[in-house]
């Protein structure tokens, strides 16, 4: 199915040099789905980072109510070896 228009809203806040948080919201008119995507980034030490990303999907049912369709929780640790 081809969807011509979607809406996305995103905001980001840097709390310190080591931590940043953001949230994205996506809505599709044709498919009538709603996606919420919060993200947290934290720099542990100079070259170690950790990220937590959550994806929450909501879909319209037959009674025009948004119900949870699925969730995803992703935790990532990174080591940067470049100078």
PDB file of N, CA and C in Angstrom:
ATOM      1  N   UNK A   1       0.846  -1.174   0.000  1.00  0.00           N
ATOM      2  CA  UNK A   1       0.000   0.000   0.000  1.00  0.00           C
ATOM      3  C   UNK A   1       0.893   1.239   0.000  1.00  0.00           C
ATOM      4  N   UNK A   2       0.578   2.161  -0.837  1.00  0.00           N
ATOM      5  CA  UNK A   2       1.333   3.400  -0.948  1.00  0.00           C
ATOM      6  C   UNK A   2       0.675   4.470  -0.073  1.00  0.00           C
ATOM      7  N   UNK A   3       1.456   5.058   0.790  1.00  0.00           N
ATOM      8  CA  UNK A   3       0.977   6.138   1.658  1.00  0.00           C
ATOM      9  C   UNK A   3       1.693   7.418   1.242  1.00  0.00           C
ATOM     10  N   UNK A   4       0.935   8.399   0.805  1.00  0.00           N
ATOM     11  CA  UNK A   4       1.526   9.627   0.288  1.00  0.00           C
ATOM     12  C   UNK A   4       1.964  10.587   1.383  1.00  0.00           C
ATOM     13  N   UNK A   5       1.180  10.710   2.456  1.00  0.00           N
ATOM     14  CA  UNK A   5       1.495  11.675   3.505  1.00  0.00           C
ATOM     15  C   UNK A   5       1.500  11.007   4.882  1.00  0.00           C
ATOM     16  N   UNK A   6       2.495  11.364   5.662  1.00  0.00           N
ATOM     17  CA  UNK A   6       2.606  10.991   7.070  1.00  0.00           C
ATOM     18  C   UNK A   6       2.987  12.248   7.838  1.00  0.00           C
ATOM     19  N   UNK A   7       2.764  12.228   9.134  1.00  0.00           N
ATOM     20  CA  UNK A   7       3.129  13.356   9.979  1.00  0.00           C
ATOM     21  C   UNK A   7       4.136  12.902  11.019  1.00  0.00           C
ATOM     22  N   UNK A   8       5.168  13.718  11.240  1.00  0.00           N
ATOM     23  CA  UNK A   8       6.193  13.393  12.220  1.00  0.00           C
ATOM     24  C   UNK A   8       6.503  14.634  13.039  1.00  0.00           C
ATOM     25  N   UNK A   9       6.630  14.422  14.344  1.00  0.00           N
ATOM     26  CA  UNK A   9       6.993  15.479  15.274  1.00  0.00           C
ATOM     27  C   UNK A   9       8.121  14.942  16.138  1.00  0.00           C
ATOM     28  N   UNK A  10       9.194  15.702  16.272  1.00  0.00           N
ATOM     29  CA  UNK A  10      10.335  15.259  17.061  1.00  0.00           C
ATOM     30  C   UNK A  10      10.857  16.409  17.904  1.00  0.00           C
ATOM     31  N   UNK A  11      11.270  16.078  19.118  1.00  0.00           N
ATOM     32  CA  UNK A  11      11.890  17.053  20.002  1.00  0.00           C
ATOM     33  C   UNK A  11      13.089  16.402  20.686  1.00  0.00           C
ATOM     34  N   UNK A  12      14.114  17.207  20.936  1.00  0.00           N
ATOM     35  CA  UNK A  12      15.349  16.721  21.545  1.00  0.00           C
ATOM     36  C   UNK A  12      15.761  17.690  22.646  1.00  0.00           C
ATOM     37  N   UNK A  13      16.268  17.135  23.735  1.00  0.00           N
ATOM     38  CA  UNK A  13      16.744  17.945  24.852  1.00  0.00           C
ATOM     39  C   UNK A  13      18.087  17.401  25.312  1.00  0.00           C
ATOM     40  N   UNK A  14      19.086  18.281  25.368  1.00  0.00           N
ATOM     41  CA  UNK A  14      20.396  17.907  25.892  1.00  0.00           C
ATOM     42  C   UNK A  14      20.447  18.346  27.347  1.00  0.00           C
ATOM     43  N   UNK A  15      20.580  17.387  28.253  1.00  0.00           N
ATOM     44  CA  UNK A  15      20.590  17.677  29.680  1.00  0.00           C
ATOM     45  C   UNK A  15      21.982  18.053  30.180  1.00  0.00           C
ATOM     46  N   UNK A  16      22.989  17.472  29.579  1.00  0.00           N
ATOM     47  CA  UNK A  16      24.383  17.787  29.911  1.00  0.00           C
ATOM     48  C   UNK A  16      25.228  17.401  28.702  1.00  0.00           C
ATOM     49  N   UNK A  17      26.540  17.566  28.810  1.00  0.00           N
ATOM     50  CA  UNK A  17      27.405  17.143  27.707  1.00  0.00           C
ATOM     51  C   UNK A  17      27.374  15.630  27.533  1.00  0.00           C
ATOM     52  N   UNK A  18      26.985  14.905  28.569  1.00  0.00           N
ATOM     53  CA  UNK A  18      27.013  13.447  28.519  1.00  0.00           C
ATOM     54  C   UNK A  18      25.648  12.819  28.224  1.00  0.00           C
ATOM     55  N   UNK A  19      24.550  13.546  28.341  1.00  0.00           N
ATOM     56  CA  UNK A  19      23.244  12.909  28.167  1.00  0.00           C
ATOM     57  C   UNK A  19      22.311  13.744  27.294  1.00  0.00           C
ATOM     58  N   UNK A  20      21.597  13.026  26.448  1.00  0.00           N
ATOM     59  CA  UNK A  20      20.622  13.625  25.547  1.00  0.00           C
ATOM     60  C   UNK A  20      19.401  12.718  25.489  1.00  0.00           C
ATOM     61  N   UNK A  21      18.236  13.313  25.350  1.00  0.00           N
ATOM     62  CA  UNK A  21      17.000  12.552  25.235  1.00  0.00           C
ATOM     63  C   UNK A  21      16.175  13.136  24.098  1.00  0.00           C
ATOM     64  N   UNK A  22      15.435  12.278  23.426  1.00  0.00           N
ATOM     65  CA  UNK A  22      14.553  12.751  22.364  1.00  0.00           C
ATOM     66  C   UNK A  22      13.327  11.858  22.285  1.00  0.00           C
ATOM     67  N   UNK A  23      12.296  12.380  21.662  1.00  0.00           N
ATOM     68  CA  UNK A  23      11.089  11.596  21.407  1.00  0.00           C
ATOM     69  C   UNK A  23      10.550  11.984  20.035  1.00  0.00           C
ATOM     70  N   UNK A  24      10.148  10.972  19.287  1.00  0.00           N
ATOM     71  CA  UNK A  24       9.548  11.163  17.965  1.00  0.00           C
ATOM     72  C   UNK A  24       8.161  10.555  17.969  1.00  0.00           C
ATOM     73  N   UNK A  25       7.242  11.218  17.276  1.00  0.00           N
ATOM     74  CA  UNK A  25       5.883  10.717  17.119  1.00  0.00           C
ATOM     75  C   UNK A  25       5.563  10.728  15.635  1.00  0.00           C
ATOM     76  N   UNK A  26       5.075   9.611  15.118  1.00  0.00           N
ATOM     77  CA  UNK A  26       4.733   9.479  13.703  1.00  0.00           C
ATOM     78  C   UNK A  26       3.279   9.033  13.606  1.00  0.00           C
ATOM     79  N   UNK A  27       2.531   9.655  12.690  1.00  0.00           N
ATOM     80  CA  UNK A  27       1.136   9.285  12.479  1.00  0.00           C
ATOM     81  C   UNK A  27       0.877   9.163  10.984  1.00  0.00           C
ATOM     82  N   UNK A  28       0.188   8.111  10.598  1.00  0.00           N
ATOM     83  CA  UNK A  28      -0.186   7.887   9.211  1.00  0.00           C
ATOM     84  C   UNK A  28      -1.704   7.958   9.080  1.00  0.00           C
ATOM     85  N   UNK A  29      -2.183   8.837   8.215  1.00  0.00           N
ATOM     86  CA  UNK A  29      -3.621   9.005   8.026  1.00  0.00           C
ATOM     87  C   UNK A  29      -4.263   7.802   7.356  1.00  0.00           C
ATOM     88  N   UNK A  30      -3.636   7.295   6.306  1.00  0.00           N
ATOM     89  CA  UNK A  30      -4.232   6.216   5.517  1.00  0.00           C
ATOM     90  C   UNK A  30      -4.256   4.913   6.308  1.00  0.00           C
ATOM     91  N   UNK A  31      -3.131   4.554   6.909  1.00  0.00           N
ATOM     92  CA  UNK A  31      -3.052   3.313   7.666  1.00  0.00           C
ATOM     93  C   UNK A  31      -3.616   3.450   9.075  1.00  0.00           C
ATOM     94  N   UNK A  32      -3.757   4.680   9.550  1.00  0.00           N
ATOM     95  CA  UNK A  32      -4.252   4.999  10.880  1.00  0.00           C
ATOM     96  C   UNK A  32      -3.424   4.296  11.954  1.00  0.00           C
ATOM     97  N   UNK A  33      -2.111   4.505  11.868  1.00  0.00           N
ATOM     98  CA  UNK A  33      -1.195   3.976  12.867  1.00  0.00           C
ATOM     99  C   UNK A  33      -0.471   5.133  13.538  1.00  0.00           C
ATOM    100  N   UNK A  34      -0.002   4.873  14.731  1.00  0.00           N
ATOM    101  CA  UNK A  34       0.614   5.877  15.583  1.00  0.00           C
ATOM    102  C   UNK A  34       1.859   5.235  16.176  1.00  0.00           C
ATOM    103  N   UNK A  35       3.025   5.868  16.024  1.00  0.00           N
ATOM    104  CA  UNK A  35       4.290   5.320  16.508  1.00  0.00           C
ATOM    105  C   UNK A  35       4.936   6.343  17.433  1.00  0.00           C
ATOM    106  N   UNK A  36       5.349   5.896  18.613  1.00  0.00           N
ATOM    107  CA  UNK A  36       6.049   6.737  19.576  1.00  0.00           C
ATOM    108  C   UNK A  36       7.442   6.135  19.755  1.00  0.00           C
ATOM    109  N   UNK A  37       8.467   6.990  19.653  1.00  0.00           N
ATOM    110  CA  UNK A  37       9.843   6.515  19.654  1.00  0.00           C
ATOM    111  C   UNK A  37      10.705   7.374  20.590  1.00  0.00           C
ATOM    112  N   UNK A  38      10.744   7.067  21.897  1.00  0.00           N
ATOM    113  CA  UNK A  38      11.658   7.784  22.800  1.00  0.00           C
ATOM    114  C   UNK A  38      13.074   7.211  22.715  1.00  0.00           C
ATOM    115  N   UNK A  39      14.059   8.068  22.955  1.00  0.00           N
ATOM    116  CA  UNK A  39      15.463   7.674  22.842  1.00  0.00           C
ATOM    117  C   UNK A  39      16.267   8.398  23.929  1.00  0.00           C
ATOM    118  N   UNK A  40      17.153   7.651  24.602  1.00  0.00           N
ATOM    119  CA  UNK A  40      18.033   8.226  25.626  1.00  0.00           C
ATOM    120  C   UNK A  40      19.468   7.853  25.284  1.00  0.00           C
ATOM    121  N   UNK A  41      20.356   8.836  25.298  1.00  0.00           N
ATOM    122  CA  UNK A  41      21.776   8.645  25.009  1.00  0.00           C
ATOM    123  C   UNK A  41      22.574   9.113  26.225  1.00  0.00           C
ATOM    124  N   UNK A  42      23.585   8.321  26.596  1.00  0.00           N
ATOM    125  CA  UNK A  42      24.434   8.708  27.717  1.00  0.00           C
ATOM    126  C   UNK A  42      25.870   8.311  27.419  1.00  0.00           C
ATOM    127  N   UNK A  43      26.788   9.236  27.620  1.00  0.00           N
ATOM    128  CA  UNK A  43      28.212   8.971  27.452  1.00  0.00           C
ATOM    129  C   UNK A  43      28.785   8.585  28.809  1.00  0.00           C
ATOM    130  N   UNK A  44      29.174   7.328  28.942  1.00  0.00           N
ATOM    131  CA  UNK A  44      29.649   6.814  30.227  1.00  0.00           C
ATOM    132  C   UNK A  44      31.015   7.405  30.560  1.00  0.00           C
ATOM    133  N   UNK A  45      31.960   7.234  29.679  1.00  0.00           N
ATOM    134  CA  UNK A  45      33.297   7.826  29.780  1.00  0.00           C
ATOM    135  C   UNK A  45      33.680   8.319  28.398  1.00  0.00           C
ATOM    136  N   UNK A  46      34.918   8.730  28.234  1.00  0.00           N
ATOM    137  CA  UNK A  46      35.381   9.382  27.010  1.00  0.00           C
ATOM    138  C   UNK A  46      34.958   8.655  25.727  1.00  0.00           C
ATOM    139  N   UNK A  47      35.173   7.353  25.624  1.00  0.00           N
ATOM    140  CA  UNK A  47      34.876   6.660  24.368  1.00  0.00           C
ATOM    141  C   UNK A  47      33.855   5.532  24.523  1.00  0.00           C
ATOM    142  N   UNK A  48      33.076   5.520  25.600  1.00  0.00           N
ATOM    143  CA  UNK A  48      31.999   4.551  25.802  1.00  0.00           C
ATOM    144  C   UNK A  48      30.659   5.269  25.856  1.00  0.00           C
ATOM    145  N   UNK A  49      29.700   4.800  25.048  1.00  0.00           N
ATOM    146  CA  UNK A  49      28.352   5.364  24.993  1.00  0.00           C
ATOM    147  C   UNK A  49      27.331   4.258  25.222  1.00  0.00           C
ATOM    148  N   UNK A  50      26.171   4.660  25.710  1.00  0.00           N
ATOM    149  CA  UNK A  50      25.056   3.729  25.858  1.00  0.00           C
ATOM    150  C   UNK A  50      23.792   4.419  25.349  1.00  0.00           C
ATOM    151  N   UNK A  51      22.966   3.686  24.621  1.00  0.00           N
ATOM    152  CA  UNK A  51      21.717   4.186  24.050  1.00  0.00           C
ATOM    153  C   UNK A  51      20.569   3.268  24.445  1.00  0.00           C
ATOM    154  N   UNK A  52      19.432   3.850  24.731  1.00  0.00           N
ATOM    155  CA  UNK A  52      18.195   3.104  24.917  1.00  0.00           C
ATOM    156  C   UNK A  52      17.163   3.694  23.971  1.00  0.00           C
ATOM    157  N   UNK A  53      16.637   2.856  23.093  1.00  0.00           N
ATOM    158  CA  UNK A  53      15.619   3.270  22.136  1.00  0.00           C
ATOM    159  C   UNK A  53      14.395   2.387  22.315  1.00  0.00           C
ATOM    160  N   UNK A  54      13.235   3.011  22.385  1.00  0.00           N
ATOM    161  CA  UNK A  54      11.972   2.288  22.537  1.00  0.00           C
ATOM    162  C   UNK A  54      11.090   2.651  21.348  1.00  0.00           C
ATOM    163  N   UNK A  55      10.417   1.659  20.789  1.00  0.00           N
ATOM    164  CA  UNK A  55       9.456   1.892  19.719  1.00  0.00           C
ATOM    165  C   UNK A  55       8.125   1.292  20.150  1.00  0.00           C
ATOM    166  N   UNK A  56       7.098   2.122  20.200  1.00  0.00           N
ATOM    167  CA  UNK A  56       5.756   1.680  20.585  1.00  0.00           C
ATOM    168  C   UNK A  56       4.820   1.911  19.399  1.00  0.00           C
ATOM    169  N   UNK A  57       4.171   0.848  18.944  1.00  0.00           N
ATOM    170  CA  UNK A  57       3.282   0.909  17.793  1.00  0.00           C
ATOM    171  C   UNK A  57       1.838   0.772  18.262  1.00  0.00           C
ATOM    172  N   UNK A  58       0.976   1.637  17.737  1.00  0.00           N
ATOM    173  CA  UNK A  58      -0.447   1.588  18.042  1.00  0.00           C
ATOM    174  C   UNK A  58      -1.203   1.586  16.718  1.00  0.00           C
ATOM    175  N   UNK A  59      -2.201   0.708  16.599  1.00  0.00           N
ATOM    176  CA  UNK A  59      -2.985   0.617  15.376  1.00  0.00           C
ATOM    177  C   UNK A  59      -4.466   0.749  15.711  1.00  0.00           C
ATOM    178  N   UNK A  60      -5.211   1.233  14.733  1.00  0.00           N
ATOM    179  CA  UNK A  60      -6.654   1.413  14.876  1.00  0.00           C
ATOM    180  C   UNK A  60      -7.346   0.053  14.733  1.00  0.00           C
ATOM    181  N   UNK A  61      -8.295  -0.235  15.623  1.00  0.00           N
ATOM    182  CA  UNK A  61      -9.069  -1.468  15.489  1.00  0.00           C
ATOM    183  C   UNK A  61     -10.424  -1.144  14.859  1.00  0.00           C
ATOM    184  N   UNK A  62     -11.312  -2.101  14.876  1.00  0.00           N
ATOM    185  CA  UNK A  62     -12.622  -1.919  14.239  1.00  0.00           C
ATOM    186  C   UNK A  62     -13.519  -0.937  14.984  1.00  0.00           C
ATOM    187  N   UNK A  63     -13.186  -0.630  16.232  1.00  0.00           N
ATOM    188  CA  UNK A  63     -14.006   0.263  17.044  1.00  0.00           C
ATOM    189  C   UNK A  63     -13.407   1.665  17.136  1.00  0.00           C
ATOM    190  N   UNK A  64     -12.488   1.993  16.235  1.00  0.00           N
ATOM    191  CA  UNK A  64     -11.824   3.299  16.169  1.00  0.00           C
ATOM    192  C   UNK A  64     -11.116   3.662  17.471  1.00  0.00           C
ATOM    193  N   UNK A  65     -10.469   2.684  18.068  1.00  0.00           N
ATOM    194  CA  UNK A  65      -9.656   2.895  19.256  1.00  0.00           C
ATOM    195  C   UNK A  65      -8.237   2.427  18.946  1.00  0.00           C
ATOM    196  N   UNK A  66      -7.242   3.188  19.410  1.00  0.00           N
ATOM    197  CA  UNK A  66      -5.857   2.793  19.214  1.00  0.00           C
ATOM    198  C   UNK A  66      -5.465   1.770  20.271  1.00  0.00           C
ATOM    199  N   UNK A  67      -5.048   0.617  19.817  1.00  0.00           N
ATOM    200  CA  UNK A  67      -4.594  -0.449  20.701  1.00  0.00           C
ATOM    201  C   UNK A  67      -3.126  -0.729  20.448  1.00  0.00           C
ATOM    202  N   UNK A  68      -2.404  -1.189  21.469  1.00  0.00           N
ATOM    203  CA  UNK A  68      -0.986  -1.517  21.263  1.00  0.00           C
ATOM    204  C   UNK A  68      -0.830  -2.624  20.228  1.00  0.00           C
ATOM    205  N   UNK A  69       0.060  -2.413  19.298  1.00  0.00           N
ATOM    206  CA  UNK A  69       0.305  -3.377  18.227  1.00  0.00           C
ATOM    207  C   UNK A  69       1.604  -4.122  18.465  1.00  0.00           C
ATOM    208  N   UNK A  70       2.544  -3.484  19.135  1.00  0.00           N
ATOM    209  CA  UNK A  70       3.827  -4.111  19.431  1.00  0.00           C
ATOM    210  C   UNK A  70       4.790  -3.093  19.993  1.00  0.00           C
ATOM    211  N   UNK A  71       5.760  -3.580  20.742  1.00  0.00           N
ATOM    212  CA  UNK A  71       6.771  -2.719  21.335  1.00  0.00           C
ATOM    213  C   UNK A  71       8.147  -3.313  21.102  1.00  0.00           C
ATOM    214  N   UNK A  72       9.136  -2.443  21.064  1.00  0.00           N
ATOM    215  CA  UNK A  72      10.518  -2.875  20.886  1.00  0.00           C
ATOM    216  C   UNK A  72      11.395  -2.045  21.819  1.00  0.00           C
ATOM    217  N   UNK A  73      12.250  -2.728  22.587  1.00  0.00           N
ATOM    218  CA  UNK A  73      13.197  -2.074  23.481  1.00  0.00           C
ATOM    219  C   UNK A  73      14.602  -2.466  23.034  1.00  0.00           C
ATOM    220  N   UNK A  74      15.435  -1.485  22.727  1.00  0.00           N
ATOM    221  CA  UNK A  74      16.781  -1.743  22.233  1.00  0.00           C
ATOM    222  C   UNK A  74      17.794  -1.014  23.103  1.00  0.00           C
ATOM    223  N   UNK A  75      18.745  -1.765  23.630  1.00  0.00           N
ATOM    224  CA  UNK A  75      19.818  -1.209  24.440  1.00  0.00           C
ATOM    225  C   UNK A  75      21.123  -1.469  23.697  1.00  0.00           C
ATOM    226  N   UNK A  76      21.914  -0.420  23.527  1.00  0.00           N
ATOM    227  CA  UNK A  76      23.167  -0.549  22.775  1.00  0.00           C
ATOM    228  C   UNK A  76      24.291   0.118  23.548  1.00  0.00           C
ATOM    229  N   UNK A  77      25.400  -0.597  23.645  1.00  0.00           N
ATOM    230  CA  UNK A  77      26.630  -0.040  24.210  1.00  0.00           C
ATOM    231  C   UNK A  77      27.640   0.063  23.071  1.00  0.00           C
ATOM    232  N   UNK A  78      28.336   1.202  23.003  1.00  0.00           N
ATOM    233  CA  UNK A  78      29.316   1.441  21.926  1.00  0.00           C
ATOM    234  C   UNK A  78      30.655   1.814  22.502  1.00  0.00           C
ATOM    235  N   UNK A  79      31.674   1.308  21.863  1.00  0.00           N
ATOM    236  CA  UNK A  79      33.029   1.707  22.176  1.00  0.00           C
ATOM    237  C   UNK A  79      33.625   2.348  20.928  1.00  0.00           C
ATOM    238  N   UNK A  80      34.059   3.583  21.050  1.00  0.00           N
ATOM    239  CA  UNK A  80      34.646   4.320  19.949  1.00  0.00           C
ATOM    240  C   UNK A  80      36.164   4.249  20.087  1.00  0.00           C
ATOM    241  N   UNK A  81      36.820   3.628  19.110  1.00  0.00           N
ATOM    242  CA  UNK A  81      38.265   3.441  19.207  1.00  0.00           C
ATOM    243  C   UNK A  81      39.056   4.474  18.416  1.00  0.00           C
ATOM    244  N   UNK A  82      38.381   5.435  17.807  1.00  0.00           N
ATOM    245  CA  UNK A  82      39.109   6.471  17.070  1.00  0.00           C
ATOM    246  C   UNK A  82      39.514   7.609  17.998  1.00  0.00           C
ATOM    247  N   UNK A  83      40.488   8.368  17.594  1.00  0.00           N
ATOM    248  CA  UNK A  83      40.976   9.479  18.427  1.00  0.00           C
ATOM    249  C   UNK A  83      40.202  10.726  18.190  1.00  0.00           C
TER     250      UNK A  83
END
